[in-house]
């Protein structure tokens, strides 16, 4: 049986002591290792936070009806059906 391993690049960063202490504290509070916590932050930062400009232009060019949420339904939780 062949064993496969996944290599993960490593990086060394230098942080001011106050920043390092804060990040360690936040990682502990989140119940994560320091590495996992930093990866989570960096991954979140690299994701787009808004729609691409091309999509916004396309969406603005469409005539779409206004979406209205229906009122909530009254549920009878005592009905055995």
Protein backbone atom coordinates (compact mmCIF):
# COMPACT_ATOMS: atom_id res chain seq x y z
CA UNK A 1 0.00 0.00 0.00
CA UNK A 2 1.44 3.36 -1.03
CA UNK A 3 1.49 6.21 1.44
CA UNK A 4 0.87 9.69 0.17
CA UNK A 5 1.96 12.79 2.02
CA UNK A 6 0.97 16.34 1.33
CA UNK A 7 3.65 18.94 1.67
CA UNK A 8 2.65 22.31 3.01
CA UNK A 9 4.84 25.32 2.36
CA UNK A 10 6.22 26.99 5.45
CA UNK A 11 6.79 30.69 6.05
CA UNK A 12 8.66 32.51 8.77
CA UNK A 13 7.25 35.85 9.83
CA UNK A 14 8.53 38.34 12.35
CA UNK A 15 5.96 40.05 14.55
CA UNK A 16 6.25 42.73 17.18
CA UNK A 17 5.92 41.12 20.60
CA UNK A 18 2.56 42.78 21.32
CA UNK A 19 1.11 41.51 18.04
CA UNK A 20 2.45 38.00 18.61
CA UNK A 21 0.98 37.90 22.12
CA UNK A 22 -2.39 39.12 20.86
CA UNK A 23 -2.50 36.55 18.04
CA UNK A 24 -1.55 33.72 20.43
CA UNK A 25 -4.29 34.82 22.83
CA UNK A 26 -6.90 34.98 20.05
CA UNK A 27 -5.88 31.55 18.73
CA UNK A 28 -6.28 30.06 22.21
CA UNK A 29 -9.70 31.71 22.61
CA UNK A 30 -10.74 30.27 19.25
CA UNK A 31 -9.52 26.82 20.30
CA UNK A 32 -7.07 26.65 17.41
CA UNK A 33 -3.37 26.27 16.96
CA UNK A 34 -1.48 29.45 16.14
CA UNK A 35 -0.86 28.16 12.62
CA UNK A 36 -4.52 27.21 12.01
CA UNK A 37 -5.70 30.57 13.35
CA UNK A 38 -3.35 32.56 11.09
CA UNK A 39 -4.33 30.44 8.06
CA UNK A 40 -8.01 31.16 8.81
CA UNK A 41 -7.36 34.91 8.96
CA UNK A 42 -5.30 34.94 5.76
CA UNK A 43 -7.79 32.75 3.91
CA UNK A 44 -10.65 35.05 4.91
CA UNK A 45 -8.69 38.09 3.72
CA UNK A 46 -8.00 36.68 0.26
CA UNK A 47 -11.67 35.98 -0.51
CA UNK A 48 -13.55 38.71 -2.33
CA UNK A 49 -15.88 40.76 -0.15
CA UNK A 50 -18.01 42.13 -2.94
CA UNK A 51 -19.35 41.09 -6.31
CA UNK A 52 -17.02 41.58 -9.30
CA UNK A 53 -17.57 44.78 -11.30
CA UNK A 54 -18.62 42.77 -14.37
CA UNK A 55 -21.42 41.12 -12.40
CA UNK A 56 -22.61 44.44 -10.99
CA UNK A 57 -22.77 45.96 -14.49
CA UNK A 58 -24.68 42.94 -15.81
CA UNK A 59 -27.08 42.95 -12.86
CA UNK A 60 -27.71 46.69 -13.25
CA UNK A 61 -28.58 46.15 -16.93
CA UNK A 62 -31.37 43.66 -16.08
CA UNK A 63 -34.98 44.57 -15.40
CA UNK A 64 -35.85 42.33 -12.52
CA UNK A 65 -39.06 42.50 -10.50
CA UNK A 66 -38.76 43.58 -6.91
CA UNK A 67 -38.65 40.63 -4.54
CA UNK A 68 -41.05 40.97 -1.64
CA UNK A 69 -40.89 38.55 1.26
CA UNK A 70 -44.28 37.07 2.12
CA UNK A 71 -45.52 37.63 5.65
CA UNK A 72 -44.71 34.84 8.11
CA UNK A 73 -47.25 32.08 8.42
CA UNK A 74 -49.04 31.36 11.66
CA UNK A 75 -48.23 27.80 12.64
CA UNK A 76 -50.54 25.79 14.83
CA UNK A 77 -48.10 23.60 16.73
CA UNK A 78 -50.92 21.89 18.66
CA UNK A 79 -52.47 20.33 15.52
CA UNK A 80 -51.40 16.64 15.50
CA UNK A 81 -51.53 16.36 11.69
